[in-house]
Amino acid sequence: METRVPGPCPCCNTQIEFLYKTENIPYFSDILIISAICPECGYKFVDTQLLKHGEPARYTVAIDSEDDLSVRVVRSMSASIEIPELGIRIDPGPVSQGFVSNVEGVLDRIEEVVKGALRWGNEVEKENAVALLADIVRVKAGTFPVTLILEDPCGNSGIESERAVTEAYVPEE
C-alpha cells in the first residue's frame, strides 16, 4: 500500500510529498517506509519502521565472500551498525535515517562518508581514509572477511540471513 501526503518541507517550507509505503520483508514483518525529498533545498528524509514491535536485539553476520554482499539489512533510526575489523561504528543521532538495503549498500554509504574525509580532512585523516577505502574494496571482493553487527534497542531492525546470529540486546554501561 502506498499513500502520499502533502506537507511543507521542514527546512524551506516548500510544498513536498511524504510517501508512506508498506512492504513485507520475509522473516521480519510488514514494514513502513516513510520518505520525502525536497527538490528546492535538497532536504531528504527516510525512515523504516517494523509494523510490529520487536524485542531489543543484536544481529551479527560474518561477511566473507562476494555473495554475502547481498544479505539484506533493515536499519531503523534507532539502530547502530558496527564493523569492528574496519574500526567503524555508526550510532544513531537526531538526523539518523532508517533504510532497507544490503551489505553492499551499507559499505557504499560508508564509502561516501570516507570520501568526504579525503576532501576535507587533514593529512592523517586522508591517509586513514585511503587505507579504509582500500579495505572496503577488499571486503567487496571477498578477500577481507568482516563482521557486521546491527544493534537496535527498539527492536525495529534486522539482518536477513540464515547465518545471522540474533541475540538479546544488552546496552553497555
N, C-alpha and C. Protein backbone atom coordinates (compact mmCIF):
# COMPACT_ATOMS: atom_id res chain seq x y z
N MET A 1 0.84 -1.17 0.00
CA MET A 1 0.00 0.00 0.00
C MET A 1 0.89 1.25 0.00
N GLU A 2 0.45 2.27 -0.72
CA GLU A 2 1.20 3.50 -0.82
C GLU A 2 0.27 4.68 -0.58
N THR A 3 0.73 5.61 0.25
CA THR A 3 -0.05 6.83 0.50
C THR A 3 0.89 8.02 0.37
N ARG A 4 0.44 9.03 -0.34
CA ARG A 4 1.21 10.26 -0.49
C ARG A 4 0.49 11.38 0.26
N VAL A 5 1.25 12.06 1.12
CA VAL A 5 0.67 13.12 1.94
C VAL A 5 1.44 14.41 1.68
N PRO A 6 0.76 15.45 1.21
CA PRO A 6 1.45 16.72 1.00
C PRO A 6 1.75 17.39 2.33
N GLY A 7 2.83 18.15 2.35
CA GLY A 7 3.19 18.90 3.55
C GLY A 7 4.36 19.81 3.28
N PRO A 8 4.63 20.70 4.20
CA PRO A 8 5.74 21.62 4.00
C PRO A 8 7.08 20.96 4.31
N CYS A 9 8.09 21.34 3.55
CA CYS A 9 9.46 20.90 3.83
C CYS A 9 9.87 21.51 5.16
N PRO A 10 10.40 20.71 6.09
CA PRO A 10 10.81 21.24 7.39
C PRO A 10 11.95 22.25 7.32
N CYS A 11 12.68 22.27 6.20
CA CYS A 11 13.82 23.19 6.08
C CYS A 11 13.46 24.50 5.38
N CYS A 12 12.72 24.42 4.25
CA CYS A 12 12.49 25.63 3.45
C CYS A 12 11.01 25.96 3.25
N ASN A 13 10.13 25.10 3.77
CA ASN A 13 8.68 25.32 3.72
C ASN A 13 8.06 25.13 2.33
N THR A 14 8.84 24.63 1.35
CA THR A 14 8.31 24.30 0.03
C THR A 14 7.34 23.12 0.18
N GLN A 15 6.26 23.12 -0.58
CA GLN A 15 5.30 22.01 -0.53
C GLN A 15 5.93 20.77 -1.16
N ILE A 16 6.00 19.67 -0.40
CA ILE A 16 6.57 18.40 -0.89
C ILE A 16 5.60 17.28 -0.55
N GLU A 17 5.89 16.10 -1.07
CA GLU A 17 5.09 14.91 -0.77
C GLU A 17 5.87 13.98 0.15
N PHE A 18 5.20 13.54 1.19
CA PHE A 18 5.74 12.50 2.06
C PHE A 18 5.11 11.19 1.61
N LEU A 19 5.95 10.20 1.30
CA LEU A 19 5.47 8.91 0.82
C LEU A 19 5.49 7.92 1.97
N TYR A 20 4.36 7.29 2.22
CA TYR A 20 4.23 6.23 3.22
C TYR A 20 3.92 4.96 2.45
N LYS A 21 4.82 3.97 2.56
CA LYS A 21 4.67 2.74 1.77
C LYS A 21 4.91 1.54 2.68
N THR A 22 4.08 0.53 2.56
CA THR A 22 4.29 -0.69 3.33
C THR A 22 4.86 -1.76 2.40
N GLU A 23 5.74 -2.57 2.96
CA GLU A 23 6.34 -3.70 2.25
C GLU A 23 6.48 -4.84 3.22
N ASN A 24 6.44 -6.06 2.69
CA ASN A 24 6.67 -7.22 3.53
C ASN A 24 8.11 -7.68 3.35
N ILE A 25 8.83 -7.77 4.46
CA ILE A 25 10.20 -8.26 4.45
C ILE A 25 10.17 -9.66 5.06
N PRO A 26 10.49 -10.69 4.28
CA PRO A 26 10.46 -12.05 4.81
C PRO A 26 11.29 -12.17 6.09
N TYR A 27 10.79 -12.91 7.03
CA TYR A 27 11.41 -13.18 8.33
C TYR A 27 11.28 -12.02 9.31
N PHE A 28 10.78 -10.89 8.88
CA PHE A 28 10.58 -9.78 9.80
C PHE A 28 9.09 -9.56 9.95
N SER A 29 8.53 -8.70 9.15
CA SER A 29 7.11 -8.41 9.15
C SER A 29 6.88 -7.36 8.10
N ASP A 30 5.67 -6.83 8.10
CA ASP A 30 5.44 -5.68 7.25
C ASP A 30 6.20 -4.51 7.83
N ILE A 31 6.77 -3.71 6.93
CA ILE A 31 7.46 -2.51 7.38
C ILE A 31 6.81 -1.30 6.74
N LEU A 32 6.97 -0.17 7.38
CA LEU A 32 6.51 1.09 6.86
C LEU A 32 7.76 1.89 6.46
N ILE A 33 7.78 2.34 5.22
CA ILE A 33 8.87 3.19 4.74
C ILE A 33 8.29 4.59 4.56
N ILE A 34 8.90 5.54 5.20
CA ILE A 34 8.47 6.93 5.10
C ILE A 34 9.60 7.69 4.42
N SER A 35 9.27 8.43 3.37
CA SER A 35 10.33 9.15 2.67
C SER A 35 9.81 10.47 2.11
N ALA A 36 10.74 11.41 1.96
CA ALA A 36 10.43 12.69 1.35
C ALA A 36 11.73 13.30 0.84
N ILE A 37 11.64 13.98 -0.28
CA ILE A 37 12.78 14.70 -0.84
C ILE A 37 12.27 16.06 -1.32
N CYS A 38 12.97 17.10 -0.92
CA CYS A 38 12.61 18.44 -1.35
C CYS A 38 13.46 18.82 -2.56
N PRO A 39 12.84 19.07 -3.72
CA PRO A 39 13.62 19.45 -4.90
C PRO A 39 14.21 20.86 -4.78
N GLU A 40 13.67 21.63 -3.86
CA GLU A 40 14.12 23.02 -3.72
C GLU A 40 15.42 23.13 -2.92
N CYS A 41 15.44 22.54 -1.72
CA CYS A 41 16.61 22.71 -0.84
C CYS A 41 17.43 21.44 -0.65
N GLY A 42 16.92 20.29 -1.15
CA GLY A 42 17.66 19.04 -1.04
C GLY A 42 17.39 18.26 0.24
N TYR A 43 16.48 18.76 1.10
CA TYR A 43 16.13 18.03 2.32
C TYR A 43 15.71 16.62 1.95
N LYS A 44 16.19 15.66 2.74
CA LYS A 44 15.88 14.26 2.48
C LYS A 44 15.53 13.59 3.80
N PHE A 45 14.46 12.83 3.81
CA PHE A 45 14.06 12.09 5.00
C PHE A 45 13.69 10.68 4.58
N VAL A 46 14.25 9.70 5.26
CA VAL A 46 13.90 8.30 5.04
C VAL A 46 13.90 7.60 6.39
N ASP A 47 12.86 6.86 6.66
CA ASP A 47 12.84 6.05 7.87
C ASP A 47 12.10 4.76 7.56
N THR A 48 12.46 3.72 8.28
CA THR A 48 11.75 2.45 8.19
C THR A 48 11.32 2.06 9.59
N GLN A 49 10.15 1.49 9.69
CA GLN A 49 9.66 1.02 10.98
C GLN A 49 8.97 -0.32 10.77
N LEU A 50 9.28 -1.27 11.63
CA LEU A 50 8.54 -2.52 11.60
C LEU A 50 7.16 -2.23 12.15
N LEU A 51 6.16 -2.83 11.56
CA LEU A 51 4.80 -2.55 11.99
C LEU A 51 4.39 -3.41 13.19
N LYS A 52 5.27 -4.26 13.62
CA LYS A 52 5.07 -4.94 14.90
C LYS A 52 6.31 -4.66 15.73
N HIS A 53 6.13 -4.48 17.00
CA HIS A 53 7.27 -4.17 17.85
C HIS A 53 8.00 -5.44 18.23
N GLY A 54 9.30 -5.37 18.12
CA GLY A 54 10.13 -6.49 18.50
C GLY A 54 10.84 -6.23 19.80
N GLU A 55 11.56 -7.20 20.23
CA GLU A 55 12.37 -7.04 21.42
C GLU A 55 13.70 -6.42 21.02
N PRO A 56 14.32 -5.68 21.92
CA PRO A 56 15.66 -5.17 21.62
C PRO A 56 16.57 -6.32 21.18
N ALA A 57 17.30 -6.11 20.09
CA ALA A 57 18.07 -7.22 19.53
C ALA A 57 19.42 -6.77 18.99
N ARG A 58 20.31 -7.76 18.94
CA ARG A 58 21.65 -7.58 18.36
C ARG A 58 21.80 -8.67 17.31
N TYR A 59 22.11 -8.27 16.08
CA TYR A 59 22.30 -9.20 14.97
C TYR A 59 23.76 -9.16 14.56
N THR A 60 24.31 -10.33 14.29
CA THR A 60 25.70 -10.44 13.86
C THR A 60 25.76 -11.39 12.68
N VAL A 61 26.50 -10.97 11.63
CA VAL A 61 26.69 -11.87 10.49
C VAL A 61 28.11 -11.70 9.96
N ALA A 62 28.73 -12.83 9.63
CA ALA A 62 30.07 -12.82 9.03
C ALA A 62 29.94 -12.54 7.54
N ILE A 63 30.75 -11.62 7.06
CA ILE A 63 30.80 -11.28 5.64
C ILE A 63 32.16 -11.73 5.14
N ASP A 64 32.18 -12.85 4.41
CA ASP A 64 33.47 -13.37 3.97
C ASP A 64 33.52 -13.78 2.50
N SER A 65 32.49 -13.38 1.75
CA SER A 65 32.52 -13.66 0.31
C SER A 65 31.70 -12.60 -0.42
N GLU A 66 31.87 -12.52 -1.73
CA GLU A 66 31.09 -11.58 -2.52
C GLU A 66 29.59 -11.86 -2.41
N ASP A 67 29.22 -13.12 -2.26
CA ASP A 67 27.81 -13.48 -2.12
C ASP A 67 27.17 -12.84 -0.90
N ASP A 68 27.96 -12.65 0.15
CA ASP A 68 27.44 -12.07 1.39
C ASP A 68 27.05 -10.60 1.23
N LEU A 69 27.50 -9.96 0.16
CA LEU A 69 27.16 -8.55 -0.07
C LEU A 69 25.67 -8.36 -0.31
N SER A 70 24.97 -9.44 -0.70
CA SER A 70 23.54 -9.33 -0.98
C SER A 70 22.67 -9.58 0.25
N VAL A 71 23.26 -9.85 1.40
CA VAL A 71 22.48 -10.05 2.63
C VAL A 71 21.72 -8.77 2.94
N ARG A 72 20.41 -8.90 3.16
CA ARG A 72 19.55 -7.74 3.39
C ARG A 72 19.75 -7.19 4.80
N VAL A 73 19.80 -5.86 4.89
CA VAL A 73 19.96 -5.16 6.15
C VAL A 73 18.81 -4.16 6.28
N VAL A 74 18.06 -4.26 7.37
CA VAL A 74 16.99 -3.33 7.67
C VAL A 74 17.42 -2.56 8.91
N ARG A 75 17.65 -1.25 8.73
CA ARG A 75 18.10 -0.42 9.85
C ARG A 75 17.07 0.66 10.13
N SER A 76 16.58 0.71 11.36
CA SER A 76 15.68 1.79 11.74
C SER A 76 16.51 2.95 12.27
N MET A 77 15.85 4.05 12.55
CA MET A 77 16.53 5.25 13.04
C MET A 77 17.21 5.03 14.39
N SER A 78 16.82 4.00 15.11
CA SER A 78 17.36 3.77 16.45
C SER A 78 18.52 2.78 16.50
N ALA A 79 18.91 2.23 15.35
CA ALA A 79 19.92 1.17 15.33
C ALA A 79 21.33 1.69 15.09
N SER A 80 22.29 0.96 15.65
CA SER A 80 23.70 1.24 15.38
C SER A 80 24.25 0.11 14.50
N ILE A 81 25.26 0.45 13.72
CA ILE A 81 25.94 -0.52 12.86
C ILE A 81 27.41 -0.49 13.21
N GLU A 82 28.00 -1.68 13.31
CA GLU A 82 29.42 -1.76 13.63
C GLU A 82 30.09 -2.79 12.73
N ILE A 83 31.28 -2.46 12.26
CA ILE A 83 32.14 -3.40 11.55
C ILE A 83 33.50 -3.29 12.24
N PRO A 84 33.73 -4.11 13.28
CA PRO A 84 34.92 -3.95 14.11
C PRO A 84 36.24 -4.04 13.34
N GLU A 85 36.31 -4.92 12.37
CA GLU A 85 37.56 -5.11 11.63
C GLU A 85 37.98 -3.86 10.85
N LEU A 86 37.00 -3.01 10.54
CA LEU A 86 37.30 -1.77 9.82
C LEU A 86 37.37 -0.58 10.78
N GLY A 87 37.08 -0.81 12.05
CA GLY A 87 37.08 0.28 13.02
C GLY A 87 35.90 1.22 12.83
N ILE A 88 34.78 0.68 12.34
CA ILE A 88 33.61 1.51 12.03
C ILE A 88 32.49 1.23 13.02
N ARG A 89 31.92 2.31 13.54
CA ARG A 89 30.71 2.24 14.35
C ARG A 89 29.86 3.45 14.00
N ILE A 90 28.63 3.20 13.60
CA ILE A 90 27.69 4.25 13.23
C ILE A 90 26.56 4.21 14.25
N ASP A 91 26.51 5.23 15.09
CA ASP A 91 25.48 5.30 16.12
C ASP A 91 24.35 6.21 15.64
N PRO A 92 23.12 5.94 16.11
CA PRO A 92 22.01 6.80 15.72
C PRO A 92 22.14 8.19 16.34
N GLY A 93 21.62 9.15 15.66
CA GLY A 93 21.62 10.52 16.14
C GLY A 93 20.33 11.20 15.75
N PRO A 94 20.23 12.50 16.00
CA PRO A 94 18.98 13.21 15.75
C PRO A 94 18.55 13.23 14.28
N VAL A 95 19.50 13.11 13.34
CA VAL A 95 19.13 13.10 11.92
C VAL A 95 19.40 11.73 11.29
N SER A 96 19.52 10.71 12.11
CA SER A 96 19.76 9.35 11.64
C SER A 96 18.60 8.90 10.77
N GLN A 97 18.92 8.19 9.69
CA GLN A 97 17.88 7.70 8.79
C GLN A 97 17.85 6.19 8.77
N GLY A 98 16.65 5.66 8.69
CA GLY A 98 16.49 4.23 8.51
C GLY A 98 16.59 3.88 7.05
N PHE A 99 16.84 2.61 6.76
CA PHE A 99 16.91 2.18 5.37
C PHE A 99 16.72 0.67 5.28
N VAL A 100 16.36 0.23 4.09
CA VAL A 100 16.36 -1.18 3.72
C VAL A 100 17.37 -1.28 2.60
N SER A 101 18.41 -2.08 2.80
CA SER A 101 19.48 -2.18 1.82
C SER A 101 20.07 -3.58 1.89
N ASN A 102 21.31 -3.71 1.48
CA ASN A 102 22.05 -4.94 1.65
C ASN A 102 23.44 -4.56 2.16
N VAL A 103 24.28 -5.54 2.42
CA VAL A 103 25.61 -5.26 2.96
C VAL A 103 26.39 -4.35 2.02
N GLU A 104 26.30 -4.60 0.71
CA GLU A 104 27.00 -3.75 -0.24
C GLU A 104 26.53 -2.31 -0.13
N GLY A 105 25.22 -2.10 0.03
CA GLY A 105 24.69 -0.76 0.20
C GLY A 105 25.21 -0.09 1.46
N VAL A 106 25.34 -0.86 2.54
CA VAL A 106 25.91 -0.31 3.78
C VAL A 106 27.35 0.13 3.53
N LEU A 107 28.12 -0.72 2.85
CA LEU A 107 29.51 -0.37 2.53
C LEU A 107 29.58 0.86 1.62
N ASP A 108 28.64 0.96 0.69
CA ASP A 108 28.60 2.13 -0.20
C ASP A 108 28.36 3.41 0.60
N ARG A 109 27.46 3.35 1.58
CA ARG A 109 27.17 4.52 2.43
C ARG A 109 28.42 4.92 3.21
N ILE A 110 29.13 3.93 3.72
CA ILE A 110 30.36 4.21 4.48
C ILE A 110 31.40 4.85 3.55
N GLU A 111 31.53 4.30 2.33
CA GLU A 111 32.48 4.85 1.36
C GLU A 111 32.23 6.33 1.10
N GLU A 112 30.97 6.70 0.95
CA GLU A 112 30.65 8.10 0.67
C GLU A 112 31.12 9.02 1.80
N VAL A 113 30.93 8.58 3.04
CA VAL A 113 31.37 9.39 4.18
C VAL A 113 32.90 9.47 4.21
N VAL A 114 33.55 8.34 3.96
CA VAL A 114 35.01 8.31 3.99
C VAL A 114 35.58 9.19 2.87
N LYS A 115 34.95 9.20 1.72
CA LYS A 115 35.41 10.05 0.62
C LYS A 115 35.35 11.53 1.01
N GLY A 116 34.40 11.88 1.87
CA GLY A 116 34.34 13.25 2.38
C GLY A 116 35.58 13.61 3.17
N ALA A 117 36.12 12.65 3.91
CA ALA A 117 37.35 12.89 4.67
C ALA A 117 38.53 13.16 3.74
N LEU A 118 38.48 12.58 2.53
CA LEU A 118 39.54 12.84 1.56
C LEU A 118 39.50 14.29 1.08
N ARG A 119 38.32 14.86 1.02
CA ARG A 119 38.19 16.25 0.56
C ARG A 119 38.48 17.25 1.66
N TRP A 120 38.13 16.92 2.91
CA TRP A 120 38.15 17.93 3.97
C TRP A 120 39.10 17.61 5.12
N GLY A 121 39.60 16.41 5.18
CA GLY A 121 40.41 16.02 6.34
C GLY A 121 41.83 16.54 6.29
N ASN A 122 42.49 16.41 7.45
CA ASN A 122 43.92 16.74 7.49
C ASN A 122 44.70 15.56 6.90
N GLU A 123 46.02 15.66 6.86
CA GLU A 123 46.83 14.62 6.20
C GLU A 123 46.65 13.24 6.84
N VAL A 124 46.62 13.18 8.16
CA VAL A 124 46.44 11.89 8.85
C VAL A 124 45.08 11.30 8.51
N GLU A 125 44.04 12.13 8.56
CA GLU A 125 42.69 11.65 8.24
C GLU A 125 42.61 11.18 6.79
N LYS A 126 43.30 11.87 5.89
CA LYS A 126 43.30 11.46 4.49
C LYS A 126 44.01 10.12 4.30
N GLU A 127 45.13 9.92 5.00
CA GLU A 127 45.83 8.62 4.93
C GLU A 127 44.95 7.50 5.46
N ASN A 128 44.29 7.75 6.58
CA ASN A 128 43.38 6.75 7.16
C ASN A 128 42.22 6.46 6.21
N ALA A 129 41.69 7.49 5.56
CA ALA A 129 40.59 7.32 4.63
C ALA A 129 41.00 6.46 3.44
N VAL A 130 42.19 6.71 2.90
CA VAL A 130 42.68 5.92 1.76
C VAL A 130 42.82 4.46 2.16
N ALA A 131 43.36 4.19 3.35
CA ALA A 131 43.52 2.81 3.82
C ALA A 131 42.16 2.15 4.02
N LEU A 132 41.20 2.89 4.60
CA LEU A 132 39.87 2.33 4.82
C LEU A 132 39.16 2.04 3.50
N LEU A 133 39.28 2.93 2.54
CA LEU A 133 38.68 2.68 1.22
C LEU A 133 39.27 1.44 0.57
N ALA A 134 40.58 1.23 0.72
CA ALA A 134 41.22 0.02 0.17
C ALA A 134 40.68 -1.23 0.87
N ASP A 135 40.48 -1.15 2.18
CA ASP A 135 39.92 -2.29 2.91
C ASP A 135 38.49 -2.59 2.46
N ILE A 136 37.70 -1.55 2.21
CA ILE A 136 36.32 -1.75 1.76
C ILE A 136 36.32 -2.44 0.39
N VAL A 137 37.24 -2.07 -0.49
CA VAL A 137 37.36 -2.74 -1.79
C VAL A 137 37.65 -4.22 -1.59
N ARG A 138 38.52 -4.54 -0.64
CA ARG A 138 38.86 -5.94 -0.35
C ARG A 138 37.65 -6.69 0.23
N VAL A 139 36.87 -6.03 1.08
CA VAL A 139 35.66 -6.67 1.62
C VAL A 139 34.71 -6.99 0.47
N LYS A 140 34.51 -6.03 -0.42
CA LYS A 140 33.60 -6.25 -1.56
C LYS A 140 34.09 -7.34 -2.49
N ALA A 141 35.40 -7.52 -2.57
CA ALA A 141 35.97 -8.58 -3.42
C ALA A 141 35.95 -9.94 -2.74
N GLY A 142 35.57 -9.96 -1.45
CA GLY A 142 35.52 -11.22 -0.71
C GLY A 142 36.87 -11.68 -0.20
N THR A 143 37.87 -10.77 -0.17
CA THR A 143 39.21 -11.17 0.28
C THR A 143 39.55 -10.65 1.68
N PHE A 144 38.64 -9.89 2.28
CA PHE A 144 38.87 -9.37 3.63
C PHE A 144 37.60 -9.62 4.44
N PRO A 145 37.56 -10.73 5.22
CA PRO A 145 36.35 -11.05 5.98
C PRO A 145 36.13 -10.06 7.12
N VAL A 146 34.87 -9.67 7.31
CA VAL A 146 34.49 -8.77 8.39
C VAL A 146 33.21 -9.28 9.05
N THR A 147 32.86 -8.64 10.14
CA THR A 147 31.64 -8.96 10.87
C THR A 147 30.75 -7.72 10.86
N LEU A 148 29.51 -7.88 10.45
CA LEU A 148 28.55 -6.79 10.50
C LEU A 148 27.66 -7.00 11.73
N ILE A 149 27.62 -5.99 12.59
CA ILE A 149 26.82 -6.05 13.81
C ILE A 149 25.78 -4.94 13.74
N LEU A 150 24.53 -5.31 13.97
CA LEU A 150 23.42 -4.36 13.98
C LEU A 150 22.74 -4.47 15.33
N GLU A 151 22.69 -3.37 16.08
CA GLU A 151 22.05 -3.38 17.40
C GLU A 151 20.91 -2.38 17.41
N ASP A 152 19.74 -2.83 17.87
CA ASP A 152 18.59 -1.93 17.93
C ASP A 152 17.85 -2.09 19.26
N PRO A 153 17.97 -1.09 20.13
CA PRO A 153 17.27 -1.17 21.41
C PRO A 153 15.76 -1.11 21.27
N CYS A 154 15.26 -0.67 20.11
CA CYS A 154 13.81 -0.61 19.88
C CYS A 154 13.28 -1.83 19.15
N GLY A 155 14.16 -2.71 18.69
CA GLY A 155 13.73 -3.95 18.05
C GLY A 155 13.12 -3.76 16.67
N ASN A 156 13.46 -2.67 15.98
CA ASN A 156 12.86 -2.40 14.67
C ASN A 156 13.84 -2.58 13.51
N SER A 157 14.89 -3.35 13.71
CA SER A 157 15.89 -3.57 12.66
C SER A 157 16.18 -5.06 12.55
N GLY A 158 16.98 -5.44 11.57
CA GLY A 158 17.35 -6.84 11.45
C GLY A 158 18.26 -7.11 10.28
N ILE A 159 18.84 -8.30 10.26
CA ILE A 159 19.65 -8.78 9.16
C ILE A 159 19.01 -10.07 8.67
N GLU A 160 18.69 -10.12 7.38
CA GLU A 160 18.02 -11.28 6.81
C GLU A 160 19.05 -12.23 6.21
N SER A 161 19.41 -13.24 6.98
CA SER A 161 20.34 -14.26 6.53
C SER A 161 20.22 -15.46 7.44
N GLU A 162 20.32 -16.64 6.86
CA GLU A 162 20.30 -17.86 7.67
C GLU A 162 21.50 -17.91 8.60
N ARG A 163 22.58 -17.22 8.22
CA ARG A 163 23.80 -17.25 9.02
C ARG A 163 23.85 -16.16 10.09
N ALA A 164 22.87 -15.25 10.06
CA ALA A 164 22.86 -14.17 11.06
C ALA A 164 22.54 -14.74 12.44
N VAL A 165 23.27 -14.29 13.43
CA VAL A 165 23.03 -14.69 14.81
C VAL A 165 22.24 -13.57 15.47
N THR A 166 21.12 -13.94 16.07
CA THR A 166 20.28 -12.98 16.76
C THR A 166 20.33 -13.26 18.24
N GLU A 167 20.56 -12.20 19.02
CA GLU A 167 20.57 -12.35 20.47
C GLU A 167 19.96 -11.12 21.10
N ALA A 168 19.68 -11.21 22.38
CA ALA A 168 19.11 -10.07 23.10
C ALA A 168 20.10 -8.93 23.11
N TYR A 169 19.58 -7.74 22.95
CA TYR A 169 20.43 -6.54 23.02
C TYR A 169 20.58 -6.14 24.48
N VAL A 170 21.81 -6.02 24.91
CA VAL A 170 22.11 -5.58 26.27
C VAL A 170 23.00 -4.36 26.15
N PRO A 171 22.49 -3.17 26.50
CA PRO A 171 23.30 -1.97 26.35
C PRO A 171 24.53 -2.00 27.26
N GLU A 172 25.62 -1.42 26.73
CA GLU A 172 26.85 -1.33 27.54
C GLU A 172 26.66 -0.23 28.58
N GLU A 173 27.23 -0.43 29.74
CA GLU A 173 27.08 0.58 30.79
C GLU A 173 28.35 1.35 30.99
